[in-house]
Amino acid sequence: MKFGIFDHMERRDDVSLGKQFEERLQLLARADELGFYGYHLAEHHQEPLAQAPSQSVFLAAAARHTKGLKLGALV
């Protein structure tokens, strides 16, 4: 059985946006270390669920922090 993460970058008011991205990338690095299969990021525009306005840019950053985790955008 393979496990993955389905995600949307919901805005948190208690943490800066930069810190939010940093924490998410750390989470993905840890998921990769633990053997998770994939990470998929939902695409939402102009709403609080869309803190990564360009999935490809965020996923490129995620690729720098992971080795085997399969990355994909959901539309």
PDB file of N, CA and C in Angstrom:
ATOM      1  N   MET A   1       0.832  -1.158   0.000  1.00  0.00           N
ATOM      2  CA  MET A   1       0.000   0.000   0.000  1.00  0.00           C
ATOM      3  C   MET A   1       0.891   1.239   0.000  1.00  0.00           C
ATOM      4  N   LYS A   2       0.515   2.221  -0.801  1.00  0.00           N
ATOM      5  CA  LYS A   2       1.266   3.467  -0.884  1.00  0.00           C
ATOM      6  C   LYS A   2       0.455   4.593  -0.254  1.00  0.00           C
ATOM      7  N   PHE A   3       1.143   5.456   0.470  1.00  0.00           N
ATOM      8  CA  PHE A   3       0.487   6.580   1.123  1.00  0.00           C
ATOM      9  C   PHE A   3       0.970   7.888   0.512  1.00  0.00           C
ATOM     10  N   GLY A   4       0.061   8.826   0.409  1.00  0.00           N
ATOM     11  CA  GLY A   4       0.396  10.138  -0.126  1.00  0.00           C
ATOM     12  C   GLY A   4      -0.309  11.230   0.653  1.00  0.00           C
ATOM     13  N   ILE A   5      -0.037  12.439   0.263  1.00  0.00           N
ATOM     14  CA  ILE A   5      -0.619  13.607   0.918  1.00  0.00           C
ATOM     15  C   ILE A   5      -1.365  14.432  -0.134  1.00  0.00           C
ATOM     16  N   PHE A   6      -2.635  14.728   0.132  1.00  0.00           N
ATOM     17  CA  PHE A   6      -3.416  15.669  -0.661  1.00  0.00           C
ATOM     18  C   PHE A   6      -3.455  16.957   0.147  1.00  0.00           C
ATOM     19  N   ASP A   7      -3.104  18.066  -0.468  1.00  0.00           N
ATOM     20  CA  ASP A   7      -2.919  19.290   0.300  1.00  0.00           C
ATOM     21  C   ASP A   7      -3.522  20.497  -0.408  1.00  0.00           C
ATOM     22  N   HIS A   8      -3.897  21.464   0.359  1.00  0.00           N
ATOM     23  CA  HIS A   8      -4.190  22.809  -0.120  1.00  0.00           C
ATOM     24  C   HIS A   8      -3.555  23.744   0.886  1.00  0.00           C
ATOM     25  N   MET A   9      -2.997  24.824   0.421  1.00  0.00           N
ATOM     26  CA  MET A   9      -2.247  25.734   1.281  1.00  0.00           C
ATOM     27  C   MET A   9      -3.182  26.785   1.861  1.00  0.00           C
ATOM     28  N   GLU A  10      -3.851  26.420   2.920  1.00  0.00           N
ATOM     29  CA  GLU A  10      -4.808  27.324   3.560  1.00  0.00           C
ATOM     30  C   GLU A  10      -4.081  28.395   4.365  1.00  0.00           C
ATOM     31  N   ARG A  11      -4.550  29.616   4.261  1.00  0.00           N
ATOM     32  CA  ARG A  11      -3.923  30.747   4.962  1.00  0.00           C
ATOM     33  C   ARG A  11      -4.154  30.665   6.458  1.00  0.00           C
ATOM     34  N   ARG A  12      -3.056  30.838   7.197  1.00  0.00           N
ATOM     35  CA  ARG A  12      -3.117  30.909   8.652  1.00  0.00           C
ATOM     36  C   ARG A  12      -2.741  32.326   9.068  1.00  0.00           C
ATOM     37  N   ASP A  13      -3.547  32.926   9.917  1.00  0.00           N
ATOM     38  CA  ASP A  13      -3.281  34.296  10.356  1.00  0.00           C
ATOM     39  C   ASP A  13      -2.231  34.372  11.463  1.00  0.00           C
ATOM     40  N   ASP A  14      -1.958  33.243  12.131  1.00  0.00           N
ATOM     41  CA  ASP A  14      -1.032  33.250  13.269  1.00  0.00           C
ATOM     42  C   ASP A  14       0.430  33.062  12.864  1.00  0.00           C
ATOM     43  N   VAL A  15       0.683  32.818  11.569  1.00  0.00           N
ATOM     44  CA  VAL A  15       2.038  32.550  11.090  1.00  0.00           C
ATOM     45  C   VAL A  15       2.257  33.333   9.793  1.00  0.00           C
ATOM     46  N   SER A  16       3.448  33.887   9.618  1.00  0.00           N
ATOM     47  CA  SER A  16       3.732  34.611   8.376  1.00  0.00           C
ATOM     48  C   SER A  16       3.702  33.644   7.193  1.00  0.00           C
ATOM     49  N   LEU A  17       3.466  34.169   6.022  1.00  0.00           N
ATOM     50  CA  LEU A  17       3.389  33.339   4.823  1.00  0.00           C
ATOM     51  C   LEU A  17       4.725  32.644   4.556  1.00  0.00           C
ATOM     52  N   GLY A  18       5.826  33.355   4.757  1.00  0.00           N
ATOM     53  CA  GLY A  18       7.146  32.748   4.576  1.00  0.00           C
ATOM     54  C   GLY A  18       7.358  31.573   5.505  1.00  0.00           C
ATOM     55  N   LYS A  19       6.959  31.731   6.757  1.00  0.00           N
ATOM     56  CA  LYS A  19       7.081  30.651   7.743  1.00  0.00           C
ATOM     57  C   LYS A  19       6.184  29.479   7.353  1.00  0.00           C
ATOM     58  N   GLN A  20       5.000  29.789   6.833  1.00  0.00           N
ATOM     59  CA  GLN A  20       4.092  28.738   6.386  1.00  0.00           C
ATOM     60  C   GLN A  20       4.740  27.884   5.291  1.00  0.00           C
ATOM     61  N   PHE A  21       5.342  28.542   4.299  1.00  0.00           N
ATOM     62  CA  PHE A  21       6.013  27.808   3.227  1.00  0.00           C
ATOM     63  C   PHE A  21       7.168  26.985   3.776  1.00  0.00           C
ATOM     64  N   GLU A  22       7.954  27.576   4.657  1.00  0.00           N
ATOM     65  CA  GLU A  22       9.093  26.872   5.254  1.00  0.00           C
ATOM     66  C   GLU A  22       8.630  25.622   5.996  1.00  0.00           C
ATOM     67  N   GLU A  23       7.572  25.755   6.795  1.00  0.00           N
ATOM     68  CA  GLU A  23       7.055  24.606   7.549  1.00  0.00           C
ATOM     69  C   GLU A  23       6.532  23.519   6.614  1.00  0.00           C
ATOM     70  N   ARG A  24       5.873  23.922   5.530  1.00  0.00           N
ATOM     71  CA  ARG A  24       5.321  22.948   4.591  1.00  0.00           C
ATOM     72  C   ARG A  24       6.450  22.187   3.891  1.00  0.00           C
ATOM     73  N   LEU A  25       7.511  22.888   3.515  1.00  0.00           N
ATOM     74  CA  LEU A  25       8.638  22.225   2.875  1.00  0.00           C
ATOM     75  C   LEU A  25       9.337  21.276   3.837  1.00  0.00           C
ATOM     76  N   GLN A  26       9.413  21.632   5.109  1.00  0.00           N
ATOM     77  CA  GLN A  26       9.975  20.727   6.114  1.00  0.00           C
ATOM     78  C   GLN A  26       9.097  19.486   6.272  1.00  0.00           C
ATOM     79  N   LEU A  27       7.781  19.680   6.237  1.00  0.00           N
ATOM     80  CA  LEU A  27       6.852  18.560   6.311  1.00  0.00           C
ATOM     81  C   LEU A  27       7.060  17.604   5.141  1.00  0.00           C
ATOM     82  N   LEU A  28       7.225  18.154   3.944  1.00  0.00           N
ATOM     83  CA  LEU A  28       7.431  17.311   2.768  1.00  0.00           C
ATOM     84  C   LEU A  28       8.755  16.561   2.830  1.00  0.00           C
ATOM     85  N   ALA A  29       9.793  17.209   3.327  1.00  0.00           N
ATOM     86  CA  ALA A  29      11.079  16.533   3.492  1.00  0.00           C
ATOM     87  C   ALA A  29      10.940  15.369   4.467  1.00  0.00           C
ATOM     88  N   ARG A  30      10.211  15.568   5.525  1.00  0.00           N
ATOM     89  CA  ARG A  30       9.998  14.504   6.519  1.00  0.00           C
ATOM     90  C   ARG A  30       9.147  13.378   5.941  1.00  0.00           C
ATOM     91  N   ALA A  31       8.100  13.725   5.192  1.00  0.00           N
ATOM     92  CA  ALA A  31       7.265  12.706   4.554  1.00  0.00           C
ATOM     93  C   ALA A  31       8.104  11.864   3.597  1.00  0.00           C
ATOM     94  N   ASP A  32       8.999  12.507   2.873  1.00  0.00           N
ATOM     95  CA  ASP A  32       9.895  11.797   1.964  1.00  0.00           C
ATOM     96  C   ASP A  32      10.787  10.831   2.742  1.00  0.00           C
ATOM     97  N   GLU A  33      11.355  11.287   3.847  1.00  0.00           N
ATOM     98  CA  GLU A  33      12.204  10.431   4.687  1.00  0.00           C
ATOM     99  C   GLU A  33      11.435   9.223   5.214  1.00  0.00           C
ATOM    100  N   LEU A  34      10.151   9.418   5.508  1.00  0.00           N
ATOM    101  CA  LEU A  34       9.327   8.338   6.065  1.00  0.00           C
ATOM    102  C   LEU A  34       8.796   7.380   5.000  1.00  0.00           C
ATOM    103  N   GLY A  35       9.047   7.679   3.735  1.00  0.00           N
ATOM    104  CA  GLY A  35       8.655   6.773   2.678  1.00  0.00           C
ATOM    105  C   GLY A  35       7.300   7.024   2.043  1.00  0.00           C
ATOM    106  N   PHE A  36       6.718   8.204   2.256  1.00  0.00           N
ATOM    107  CA  PHE A  36       5.462   8.519   1.584  1.00  0.00           C
ATOM    108  C   PHE A  36       5.675   8.487   0.079  1.00  0.00           C
ATOM    109  N   TYR A  37       4.649   8.093  -0.653  1.00  0.00           N
ATOM    110  CA  TYR A  37       4.747   7.927  -2.098  1.00  0.00           C
ATOM    111  C   TYR A  37       4.625   9.249  -2.851  1.00  0.00           C
ATOM    112  N   GLY A  38       3.616  10.062  -2.499  1.00  0.00           N
ATOM    113  CA  GLY A  38       3.360  11.243  -3.302  1.00  0.00           C
ATOM    114  C   GLY A  38       2.787  12.407  -2.522  1.00  0.00           C
ATOM    115  N   TYR A  39       2.839  13.560  -3.165  1.00  0.00           N
ATOM    116  CA  TYR A  39       2.276  14.798  -2.628  1.00  0.00           C
ATOM    117  C   TYR A  39       1.567  15.503  -3.771  1.00  0.00           C
ATOM    118  N   HIS A  40       0.308  15.827  -3.566  1.00  0.00           N
ATOM    119  CA  HIS A  40      -0.481  16.530  -4.576  1.00  0.00           C
ATOM    120  C   HIS A  40      -1.036  17.813  -3.974  1.00  0.00           C
ATOM    121  N   LEU A  41      -0.855  18.887  -4.688  1.00  0.00           N
ATOM    122  CA  LEU A  41      -1.278  20.210  -4.230  1.00  0.00           C
ATOM    123  C   LEU A  41      -2.480  20.681  -5.043  1.00  0.00           C
ATOM    124  N   ALA A  42      -3.571  20.985  -4.352  1.00  0.00           N
ATOM    125  CA  ALA A  42      -4.785  21.462  -5.023  1.00  0.00           C
ATOM    126  C   ALA A  42      -4.570  22.866  -5.571  1.00  0.00           C
ATOM    127  N   GLU A  43      -5.257  23.164  -6.646  1.00  0.00           N
ATOM    128  CA  GLU A  43      -5.174  24.479  -7.269  1.00  0.00           C
ATOM    129  C   GLU A  43      -6.474  25.236  -7.045  1.00  0.00           C
ATOM    130  N   HIS A  44      -6.401  26.284  -6.241  1.00  0.00           N
ATOM    131  CA  HIS A  44      -7.539  27.166  -5.993  1.00  0.00           C
ATOM    132  C   HIS A  44      -7.045  28.589  -6.220  1.00  0.00           C
ATOM    133  N   HIS A  45      -7.848  29.402  -6.842  1.00  0.00           N
ATOM    134  CA  HIS A  45      -7.427  30.777  -7.116  1.00  0.00           C
ATOM    135  C   HIS A  45      -8.361  31.773  -6.434  1.00  0.00           C
ATOM    136  N   GLN A  46      -7.756  32.846  -5.912  1.00  0.00           N
ATOM    137  CA  GLN A  46      -8.493  33.961  -5.311  1.00  0.00           C
ATOM    138  C   GLN A  46      -9.361  33.544  -4.133  1.00  0.00           C
ATOM    139  N   GLU A  47      -8.849  32.681  -3.289  1.00  0.00           N
ATOM    140  CA  GLU A  47      -9.574  32.308  -2.073  1.00  0.00           C
ATOM    141  C   GLU A  47      -8.580  31.893  -1.000  1.00  0.00           C
ATOM    142  N   PRO A  48      -9.022  31.779   0.251  1.00  0.00           N
ATOM    143  CA  PRO A  48      -8.101  31.469   1.355  1.00  0.00           C
ATOM    144  C   PRO A  48      -7.408  30.108   1.250  1.00  0.00           C
ATOM    145  N   LEU A  49      -7.886  29.213   0.389  1.00  0.00           N
ATOM    146  CA  LEU A  49      -7.231  27.916   0.228  1.00  0.00           C
ATOM    147  C   LEU A  49      -6.063  27.982  -0.746  1.00  0.00           C
ATOM    148  N   ALA A  50      -5.709  29.160  -1.217  1.00  0.00           N
ATOM    149  CA  ALA A  50      -4.729  29.284  -2.291  1.00  0.00           C
ATOM    150  C   ALA A  50      -3.527  30.130  -1.889  1.00  0.00           C
ATOM    151  N   GLN A  51      -2.721  29.650  -1.000  1.00  0.00           N
ATOM    152  CA  GLN A  51      -1.530  30.399  -0.612  1.00  0.00           C
ATOM    153  C   GLN A  51      -0.348  30.097  -1.513  1.00  0.00           C
ATOM    154  N   ALA A  52      -0.503  29.125  -2.409  1.00  0.00           N
ATOM    155  CA  ALA A  52       0.515  28.848  -3.427  1.00  0.00           C
ATOM    156  C   ALA A  52      -0.115  29.171  -4.784  1.00  0.00           C
ATOM    157  N   PRO A  53      -0.060  30.427  -5.227  1.00  0.00           N
ATOM    158  CA  PRO A  53      -0.761  30.814  -6.450  1.00  0.00           C
ATOM    159  C   PRO A  53      -0.225  30.132  -7.704  1.00  0.00           C
ATOM    160  N   SER A  54       1.004  29.656  -7.669  1.00  0.00           N
ATOM    161  CA  SER A  54       1.565  28.897  -8.784  1.00  0.00           C
ATOM    162  C   SER A  54       2.045  27.558  -8.241  1.00  0.00           C
ATOM    163  N   GLN A  55       1.284  26.515  -8.511  1.00  0.00           N
ATOM    164  CA  GLN A  55       1.638  25.192  -8.008  1.00  0.00           C
ATOM    165  C   GLN A  55       3.000  24.753  -8.526  1.00  0.00           C
ATOM    166  N   SER A  56       3.306  25.065  -9.771  1.00  0.00           N
ATOM    167  CA  SER A  56       4.581  24.615 -10.335  1.00  0.00           C
ATOM    168  C   SER A  56       5.774  25.231  -9.608  1.00  0.00           C
ATOM    169  N   VAL A  57       5.663  26.472  -9.176  1.00  0.00           N
ATOM    170  CA  VAL A  57       6.766  27.111  -8.452  1.00  0.00           C
ATOM    171  C   VAL A  57       6.925  26.467  -7.071  1.00  0.00           C
ATOM    172  N   PHE A  58       5.804  26.251  -6.366  1.00  0.00           N
ATOM    173  CA  PHE A  58       5.906  25.609  -5.057  1.00  0.00           C
ATOM    174  C   PHE A  58       6.413  24.173  -5.185  1.00  0.00           C
ATOM    175  N   LEU A  59       5.924  23.438  -6.173  1.00  0.00           N
ATOM    176  CA  LEU A  59       6.369  22.057  -6.355  1.00  0.00           C
ATOM    177  C   LEU A  59       7.840  21.990  -6.756  1.00  0.00           C
ATOM    178  N   ALA A  60       8.335  23.002  -7.468  1.00  0.00           N
ATOM    179  CA  ALA A  60       9.764  23.057  -7.785  1.00  0.00           C
ATOM    180  C   ALA A  60      10.577  23.225  -6.502  1.00  0.00           C
ATOM    181  N   ALA A  61      10.086  24.069  -5.600  1.00  0.00           N
ATOM    182  CA  ALA A  61      10.760  24.225  -4.302  1.00  0.00           C
ATOM    183  C   ALA A  61      10.704  22.909  -3.527  1.00  0.00           C
ATOM    184  N   ALA A  62       9.552  22.230  -3.587  1.00  0.00           N
ATOM    185  CA  ALA A  62       9.405  20.945  -2.895  1.00  0.00           C
ATOM    186  C   ALA A  62      10.383  19.915  -3.458  1.00  0.00           C
ATOM    187  N   ALA A  63      10.606  19.954  -4.761  1.00  0.00           N
ATOM    188  CA  ALA A  63      11.539  19.008  -5.392  1.00  0.00           C
ATOM    189  C   ALA A  63      12.958  19.193  -4.872  1.00  0.00           C
ATOM    190  N   ARG A  64      13.297  20.416  -4.485  1.00  0.00           N
ATOM    191  CA  ARG A  64      14.639  20.670  -3.931  1.00  0.00           C
ATOM    192  C   ARG A  64      14.792  20.095  -2.529  1.00  0.00           C
ATOM    193  N   HIS A  65      13.660  19.849  -1.836  1.00  0.00           N
ATOM    194  CA  HIS A  65      13.700  19.365  -0.463  1.00  0.00           C
ATOM    195  C   HIS A  65      13.412  17.871  -0.344  1.00  0.00           C
ATOM    196  N   THR A  66      13.117  17.210  -1.450  1.00  0.00           N
ATOM    197  CA  THR A  66      12.764  15.789  -1.423  1.00  0.00           C
ATOM    198  C   THR A  66      13.595  15.042  -2.458  1.00  0.00           C
ATOM    199  N   LYS A  67      13.605  13.701  -2.319  1.00  0.00           N
ATOM    200  CA  LYS A  67      14.366  12.871  -3.257  1.00  0.00           C
ATOM    201  C   LYS A  67      13.479  11.908  -4.026  1.00  0.00           C
ATOM    202  N   GLY A  68      12.555  11.243  -3.346  1.00  0.00           N
ATOM    203  CA  GLY A  68      11.757  10.222  -4.001  1.00  0.00           C
ATOM    204  C   GLY A  68      10.261  10.499  -4.039  1.00  0.00           C
ATOM    205  N   LEU A  69       9.831  11.533  -3.356  1.00  0.00           N
ATOM    206  CA  LEU A  69       8.405  11.864  -3.273  1.00  0.00           C
ATOM    207  C   LEU A  69       7.910  12.306  -4.649  1.00  0.00           C
ATOM    208  N   LYS A  70       6.854  11.662  -5.131  1.00  0.00           N
ATOM    209  CA  LYS A  70       6.241  12.050  -6.401  1.00  0.00           C
ATOM    210  C   LYS A  70       5.395  13.295  -6.169  1.00  0.00           C
ATOM    211  N   LEU A  71       5.574  14.318  -6.985  1.00  0.00           N
ATOM    212  CA  LEU A  71       4.905  15.606  -6.801  1.00  0.00           C
ATOM    213  C   LEU A  71       3.942  15.859  -7.952  1.00  0.00           C
ATOM    214  N   GLY A  72       2.785  16.422  -7.634  1.00  0.00           N
ATOM    215  CA  GLY A  72       1.833  16.714  -8.696  1.00  0.00           C
ATOM    216  C   GLY A  72       0.853  17.810  -8.285  1.00  0.00           C
ATOM    217  N   ALA A  73       0.339  18.503  -9.317  1.00  0.00           N
ATOM    218  CA  ALA A  73      -0.669  19.543  -9.104  1.00  0.00           C
ATOM    219  C   ALA A  73      -2.043  18.960  -9.427  1.00  0.00           C
ATOM    220  N   LEU A  74      -3.028  19.315  -8.622  1.00  0.00           N
ATOM    221  CA  LEU A  74      -4.405  18.892  -8.871  1.00  0.00           C
ATOM    222  C   LEU A  74      -5.187  20.087  -9.355  1.00  0.00           C
ATOM    223  N   VAL A  75      -5.899  19.930 -10.440  1.00  0.00           N
ATOM    224  CA  VAL A  75      -6.699  21.025 -10.996  1.00  0.00           C
ATOM    225  C   VAL A  75      -8.150  20.619 -11.072  1.00  0.00           C
TER     226      VAL A  75
END
